[in-house]
Amino acid sequence: MKLILIVDDEIDITETFSLLFEVHGFETLTASNGSEALTLLENRIPDLIISDCMMPVMDGVAFRKKVEENRLLEAVPFILMSAAPEQHDLASVRIDGFLKKPFHFDELIDKVRALLAD
């Protein structure tokens, strides 16, 4: 079973995404910010990371930069999402997908399936 790390400070989003991904046959881990996610990544390497941009403690762009610095994690596909993409320096990081909030879950699951296709 493929493992997806979901990083968002809105618990409703992480809980909803977890439930929906599990229904679609994925295992999930959740974190409420980039710092918490980095701690989780010390123990498990996911097959894909989905992160919000705007979060306290460590935002999604800073989190992505930290992930890129780690040779074990740099190749893990990474999707960023934000309601206000213009407020973030998205060009400073490599991402494999971007979704502007709000979006339909089908858009996300299609991106995830495409990135995780064997």
N, C-alpha and C. Protein backbone atom coordinates (compact mmCIF):
# COMPACT_ATOMS: atom_id res chain seq x y z
N MET A 1 0.85 -1.18 0.00
CA MET A 1 0.00 0.00 0.00
C MET A 1 0.89 1.24 0.00
N LYS A 2 0.61 2.18 -0.89
CA LYS A 2 1.39 3.42 -1.00
C LYS A 2 1.05 4.34 0.17
N LEU A 3 2.10 5.01 0.67
CA LEU A 3 1.97 5.91 1.82
C LEU A 3 2.01 7.36 1.36
N ILE A 4 1.02 8.14 1.80
CA ILE A 4 0.94 9.57 1.48
C ILE A 4 1.03 10.36 2.77
N LEU A 5 1.94 11.34 2.81
CA LEU A 5 2.04 12.27 3.93
C LEU A 5 1.24 13.52 3.57
N ILE A 6 0.28 13.87 4.42
CA ILE A 6 -0.57 15.04 4.22
C ILE A 6 -0.20 16.07 5.29
N VAL A 7 0.18 17.28 4.84
CA VAL A 7 0.62 18.32 5.76
C VAL A 7 -0.28 19.55 5.59
N ASP A 8 -1.05 19.85 6.62
CA ASP A 8 -1.95 21.01 6.59
C ASP A 8 -2.32 21.35 8.02
N ASP A 9 -2.40 22.63 8.33
CA ASP A 9 -2.75 23.04 9.69
C ASP A 9 -4.25 22.98 9.95
N GLU A 10 -5.04 22.77 8.93
CA GLU A 10 -6.49 22.64 9.11
C GLU A 10 -6.83 21.17 9.30
N ILE A 11 -7.18 20.80 10.53
CA ILE A 11 -7.42 19.40 10.87
C ILE A 11 -8.55 18.80 10.04
N ASP A 12 -9.54 19.61 9.67
CA ASP A 12 -10.63 19.10 8.83
C ASP A 12 -10.09 18.59 7.49
N ILE A 13 -9.11 19.29 6.95
CA ILE A 13 -8.52 18.88 5.67
C ILE A 13 -7.73 17.59 5.83
N THR A 14 -6.86 17.53 6.84
CA THR A 14 -6.06 16.31 6.99
C THR A 14 -6.94 15.10 7.28
N GLU A 15 -7.96 15.27 8.10
CA GLU A 15 -8.85 14.14 8.41
C GLU A 15 -9.66 13.71 7.19
N THR A 16 -10.18 14.68 6.44
CA THR A 16 -10.97 14.36 5.25
C THR A 16 -10.10 13.69 4.19
N PHE A 17 -8.92 14.27 3.93
CA PHE A 17 -8.02 13.67 2.94
C PHE A 17 -7.61 12.26 3.36
N SER A 18 -7.30 12.08 4.63
CA SER A 18 -6.91 10.75 5.12
C SER A 18 -8.01 9.73 4.84
N LEU A 19 -9.22 10.08 5.19
CA LEU A 19 -10.35 9.17 4.98
C LEU A 19 -10.53 8.86 3.49
N LEU A 20 -10.51 9.89 2.67
CA LEU A 20 -10.72 9.70 1.24
C LEU A 20 -9.59 8.88 0.61
N PHE A 21 -8.35 9.16 0.99
CA PHE A 21 -7.24 8.38 0.44
C PHE A 21 -7.30 6.93 0.89
N GLU A 22 -7.68 6.71 2.13
CA GLU A 22 -7.78 5.33 2.63
C GLU A 22 -8.87 4.56 1.89
N VAL A 23 -9.98 5.23 1.57
CA VAL A 23 -11.04 4.60 0.77
C VAL A 23 -10.51 4.21 -0.61
N HIS A 24 -9.56 4.99 -1.12
CA HIS A 24 -8.97 4.73 -2.44
C HIS A 24 -7.75 3.81 -2.37
N GLY A 25 -7.49 3.23 -1.20
CA GLY A 25 -6.44 2.22 -1.09
C GLY A 25 -5.06 2.72 -0.72
N PHE A 26 -4.98 3.91 -0.16
CA PHE A 26 -3.70 4.47 0.26
C PHE A 26 -3.60 4.49 1.78
N GLU A 27 -2.38 4.41 2.28
CA GLU A 27 -2.11 4.61 3.71
C GLU A 27 -1.72 6.08 3.87
N THR A 28 -2.06 6.69 5.01
CA THR A 28 -1.74 8.10 5.20
C THR A 28 -1.07 8.37 6.54
N LEU A 29 -0.27 9.41 6.54
CA LEU A 29 0.29 10.04 7.75
C LEU A 29 -0.12 11.50 7.67
N THR A 30 -0.32 12.16 8.81
CA THR A 30 -0.67 13.57 8.78
C THR A 30 0.21 14.37 9.73
N ALA A 31 0.41 15.63 9.36
CA ALA A 31 1.15 16.58 10.19
C ALA A 31 0.48 17.94 10.04
N SER A 32 0.60 18.78 11.07
CA SER A 32 -0.06 20.08 11.04
C SER A 32 0.84 21.22 10.57
N ASN A 33 2.12 20.94 10.34
CA ASN A 33 3.04 21.95 9.80
C ASN A 33 4.30 21.24 9.31
N GLY A 34 5.15 21.99 8.63
CA GLY A 34 6.36 21.40 8.07
C GLY A 34 7.31 20.83 9.09
N SER A 35 7.43 21.48 10.23
CA SER A 35 8.33 21.00 11.28
C SER A 35 7.88 19.64 11.80
N GLU A 36 6.59 19.51 12.06
CA GLU A 36 6.03 18.24 12.52
C GLU A 36 6.21 17.15 11.45
N ALA A 37 6.04 17.54 10.20
CA ALA A 37 6.21 16.58 9.10
C ALA A 37 7.65 16.09 9.02
N LEU A 38 8.62 16.98 9.20
CA LEU A 38 10.03 16.56 9.17
C LEU A 38 10.32 15.54 10.26
N THR A 39 9.71 15.70 11.42
CA THR A 39 9.87 14.72 12.49
C THR A 39 9.32 13.36 12.06
N LEU A 40 8.16 13.35 11.43
CA LEU A 40 7.59 12.09 10.94
C LEU A 40 8.48 11.44 9.89
N LEU A 41 9.11 12.28 9.05
CA LEU A 41 9.96 11.77 7.98
C LEU A 41 11.26 11.13 8.49
N GLU A 42 11.59 11.35 9.74
CA GLU A 42 12.76 10.69 10.32
C GLU A 42 12.53 9.19 10.47
N ASN A 43 11.26 8.77 10.55
CA ASN A 43 10.93 7.37 10.78
C ASN A 43 10.34 6.65 9.58
N ARG A 44 9.70 7.39 8.68
CA ARG A 44 9.06 6.76 7.51
C ARG A 44 9.22 7.64 6.29
N ILE A 45 9.48 7.01 5.17
CA ILE A 45 9.58 7.74 3.91
C ILE A 45 8.31 7.45 3.11
N PRO A 46 7.53 8.48 2.83
CA PRO A 46 6.29 8.27 2.09
C PRO A 46 6.56 8.11 0.59
N ASP A 47 5.55 7.65 -0.11
CA ASP A 47 5.63 7.56 -1.56
C ASP A 47 5.28 8.89 -2.22
N LEU A 48 4.60 9.77 -1.45
CA LEU A 48 4.19 11.07 -1.97
C LEU A 48 3.88 11.99 -0.80
N ILE A 49 4.15 13.28 -0.99
CA ILE A 49 3.86 14.30 0.04
C ILE A 49 2.91 15.33 -0.57
N ILE A 50 1.87 15.66 0.20
CA ILE A 50 0.94 16.73 -0.17
C ILE A 50 0.99 17.75 0.96
N SER A 51 1.28 19.01 0.62
CA SER A 51 1.42 20.02 1.66
C SER A 51 0.71 21.31 1.29
N ASP A 52 0.09 21.91 2.28
CA ASP A 52 -0.44 23.25 2.15
C ASP A 52 0.75 24.21 2.15
N CYS A 53 0.55 25.39 1.62
CA CYS A 53 1.61 26.41 1.65
C CYS A 53 1.58 27.21 2.94
N MET A 54 0.41 27.69 3.31
CA MET A 54 0.28 28.62 4.43
C MET A 54 0.00 27.87 5.73
N MET A 55 1.06 27.73 6.55
CA MET A 55 0.94 27.03 7.84
C MET A 55 1.83 27.72 8.86
N PRO A 56 1.49 27.60 10.14
CA PRO A 56 2.36 28.15 11.18
C PRO A 56 3.62 27.29 11.35
N VAL A 57 4.57 27.78 12.08
CA VAL A 57 5.83 27.12 12.43
C VAL A 57 6.74 26.99 11.21
N MET A 58 6.34 26.20 10.21
CA MET A 58 7.10 26.07 8.97
C MET A 58 6.11 25.92 7.82
N ASP A 59 6.15 26.88 6.88
CA ASP A 59 5.19 26.82 5.78
C ASP A 59 5.59 25.76 4.75
N GLY A 60 4.73 25.57 3.76
CA GLY A 60 4.95 24.52 2.77
C GLY A 60 6.18 24.70 1.92
N VAL A 61 6.50 25.94 1.54
CA VAL A 61 7.69 26.18 0.72
C VAL A 61 8.96 25.90 1.52
N ALA A 62 9.02 26.37 2.76
CA ALA A 62 10.18 26.09 3.61
C ALA A 62 10.31 24.58 3.87
N PHE A 63 9.18 23.91 4.07
CA PHE A 63 9.18 22.46 4.26
C PHE A 63 9.72 21.76 3.02
N ARG A 64 9.27 22.20 1.84
CA ARG A 64 9.75 21.58 0.59
C ARG A 64 11.26 21.76 0.45
N LYS A 65 11.76 22.93 0.79
CA LYS A 65 13.21 23.17 0.70
C LYS A 65 13.97 22.21 1.60
N LYS A 66 13.47 21.97 2.81
CA LYS A 66 14.12 21.03 3.73
C LYS A 66 14.08 19.61 3.16
N VAL A 67 12.96 19.23 2.57
CA VAL A 67 12.84 17.90 1.96
C VAL A 67 13.85 17.75 0.82
N GLU A 68 13.99 18.80 0.00
CA GLU A 68 14.92 18.76 -1.13
C GLU A 68 16.37 18.60 -0.68
N GLU A 69 16.69 19.04 0.52
CA GLU A 69 18.06 18.93 1.04
C GLU A 69 18.42 17.52 1.49
N ASN A 70 17.42 16.66 1.65
CA ASN A 70 17.63 15.31 2.15
C ASN A 70 17.67 14.33 0.98
N ARG A 71 18.81 13.67 0.79
CA ARG A 71 18.97 12.76 -0.36
C ARG A 71 17.97 11.61 -0.34
N LEU A 72 17.55 11.19 0.84
CA LEU A 72 16.58 10.10 0.93
C LEU A 72 15.17 10.54 0.53
N LEU A 73 14.93 11.85 0.60
CA LEU A 73 13.58 12.37 0.37
C LEU A 73 13.44 13.18 -0.91
N GLU A 74 14.55 13.63 -1.49
CA GLU A 74 14.48 14.59 -2.59
C GLU A 74 13.68 14.09 -3.80
N ALA A 75 13.63 12.77 -4.00
CA ALA A 75 12.91 12.22 -5.15
C ALA A 75 11.44 11.92 -4.87
N VAL A 76 11.01 12.09 -3.64
CA VAL A 76 9.61 11.82 -3.30
C VAL A 76 8.73 12.88 -3.98
N PRO A 77 7.74 12.46 -4.78
CA PRO A 77 6.86 13.44 -5.42
C PRO A 77 6.19 14.34 -4.39
N PHE A 78 6.03 15.61 -4.76
CA PHE A 78 5.56 16.63 -3.82
C PHE A 78 4.50 17.49 -4.49
N ILE A 79 3.33 17.56 -3.88
CA ILE A 79 2.24 18.41 -4.36
C ILE A 79 2.01 19.52 -3.34
N LEU A 80 2.00 20.76 -3.82
CA LEU A 80 1.66 21.90 -2.96
C LEU A 80 0.25 22.35 -3.28
N MET A 81 -0.41 22.89 -2.26
CA MET A 81 -1.75 23.45 -2.46
C MET A 81 -1.85 24.76 -1.67
N SER A 82 -2.62 25.70 -2.23
CA SER A 82 -2.77 27.00 -1.57
C SER A 82 -3.98 27.73 -2.13
N ALA A 83 -4.61 28.51 -1.27
CA ALA A 83 -5.70 29.38 -1.71
C ALA A 83 -5.14 30.68 -2.29
N ALA A 84 -3.88 30.99 -1.96
CA ALA A 84 -3.26 32.24 -2.41
C ALA A 84 -1.84 31.97 -2.92
N PRO A 85 -1.71 31.32 -4.07
CA PRO A 85 -0.37 30.96 -4.56
C PRO A 85 0.53 32.16 -4.82
N GLU A 86 -0.06 33.31 -5.11
CA GLU A 86 0.74 34.50 -5.39
C GLU A 86 1.50 34.99 -4.16
N GLN A 87 1.14 34.52 -2.98
CA GLN A 87 1.81 34.93 -1.75
C GLN A 87 3.03 34.07 -1.42
N HIS A 88 3.35 33.11 -2.28
CA HIS A 88 4.44 32.18 -2.00
C HIS A 88 5.42 32.14 -3.16
N ASP A 89 6.69 31.92 -2.85
CA ASP A 89 7.73 31.83 -3.88
C ASP A 89 7.79 30.40 -4.41
N LEU A 90 6.78 30.02 -5.17
CA LEU A 90 6.69 28.65 -5.68
C LEU A 90 7.81 28.32 -6.66
N ALA A 91 8.34 29.34 -7.34
CA ALA A 91 9.41 29.10 -8.30
C ALA A 91 10.72 28.70 -7.63
N SER A 92 10.82 28.90 -6.33
CA SER A 92 12.07 28.59 -5.62
C SER A 92 12.20 27.12 -5.25
N VAL A 93 11.15 26.33 -5.50
CA VAL A 93 11.18 24.91 -5.16
C VAL A 93 10.68 24.07 -6.33
N ARG A 94 11.12 22.80 -6.33
CA ARG A 94 10.65 21.86 -7.35
C ARG A 94 9.41 21.16 -6.80
N ILE A 95 8.32 21.28 -7.53
CA ILE A 95 7.10 20.58 -7.12
C ILE A 95 6.61 19.75 -8.31
N ASP A 96 5.90 18.70 -7.99
CA ASP A 96 5.39 17.80 -9.03
C ASP A 96 3.93 18.07 -9.35
N GLY A 97 3.32 18.93 -8.57
CA GLY A 97 1.93 19.29 -8.81
C GLY A 97 1.53 20.44 -7.92
N PHE A 98 0.56 21.22 -8.38
CA PHE A 98 0.04 22.32 -7.58
C PHE A 98 -1.48 22.35 -7.75
N LEU A 99 -2.17 22.58 -6.65
CA LEU A 99 -3.63 22.74 -6.68
C LEU A 99 -4.01 24.02 -5.95
N LYS A 100 -4.82 24.84 -6.61
CA LYS A 100 -5.32 26.06 -5.98
C LYS A 100 -6.60 25.72 -5.23
N LYS A 101 -6.60 26.03 -3.93
CA LYS A 101 -7.79 25.80 -3.11
C LYS A 101 -8.85 26.85 -3.45
N PRO A 102 -10.09 26.51 -3.44
CA PRO A 102 -10.64 25.17 -3.24
C PRO A 102 -10.55 24.36 -4.53
N PHE A 103 -10.49 23.06 -4.41
CA PHE A 103 -10.47 22.17 -5.56
C PHE A 103 -11.29 20.94 -5.21
N HIS A 104 -11.63 20.20 -6.23
CA HIS A 104 -12.41 18.98 -6.04
C HIS A 104 -11.44 17.83 -5.75
N PHE A 105 -11.82 16.95 -4.85
CA PHE A 105 -10.94 15.84 -4.48
C PHE A 105 -10.55 14.99 -5.69
N ASP A 106 -11.42 14.89 -6.69
CA ASP A 106 -11.09 14.11 -7.89
C ASP A 106 -9.84 14.65 -8.58
N GLU A 107 -9.65 15.98 -8.58
CA GLU A 107 -8.44 16.57 -9.15
C GLU A 107 -7.20 16.07 -8.42
N LEU A 108 -7.29 16.05 -7.11
CA LEU A 108 -6.16 15.61 -6.30
C LEU A 108 -5.89 14.12 -6.50
N ILE A 109 -6.91 13.30 -6.46
CA ILE A 109 -6.70 11.86 -6.60
C ILE A 109 -6.15 11.53 -7.99
N ASP A 110 -6.57 12.27 -9.02
CA ASP A 110 -6.02 12.06 -10.36
C ASP A 110 -4.53 12.39 -10.40
N LYS A 111 -4.13 13.50 -9.76
CA LYS A 111 -2.71 13.87 -9.71
C LYS A 111 -1.91 12.83 -8.95
N VAL A 112 -2.45 12.38 -7.82
CA VAL A 112 -1.77 11.39 -7.00
C VAL A 112 -1.58 10.09 -7.77
N ARG A 113 -2.63 9.62 -8.41
CA ARG A 113 -2.54 8.38 -9.18
C ARG A 113 -1.53 8.50 -10.31
N ALA A 114 -1.50 9.65 -10.99
CA ALA A 114 -0.55 9.86 -12.08
C ALA A 114 0.89 9.84 -11.55
N LEU A 115 1.12 10.47 -10.42
CA LEU A 115 2.48 10.53 -9.86
C LEU A 115 2.93 9.18 -9.30
N LEU A 116 1.99 8.37 -8.84
CA LEU A 116 2.35 7.09 -8.23
C LEU A 116 2.18 5.91 -9.17
N ALA A 117 1.85 6.18 -10.43
CA ALA A 117 1.68 5.09 -11.39
C ALA A 117 3.00 4.35 -11.56
N ASP A 118 2.92 3.05 -11.53
CA ASP A 118 4.15 2.23 -11.66
C ASP A 118 4.60 2.10 -13.09
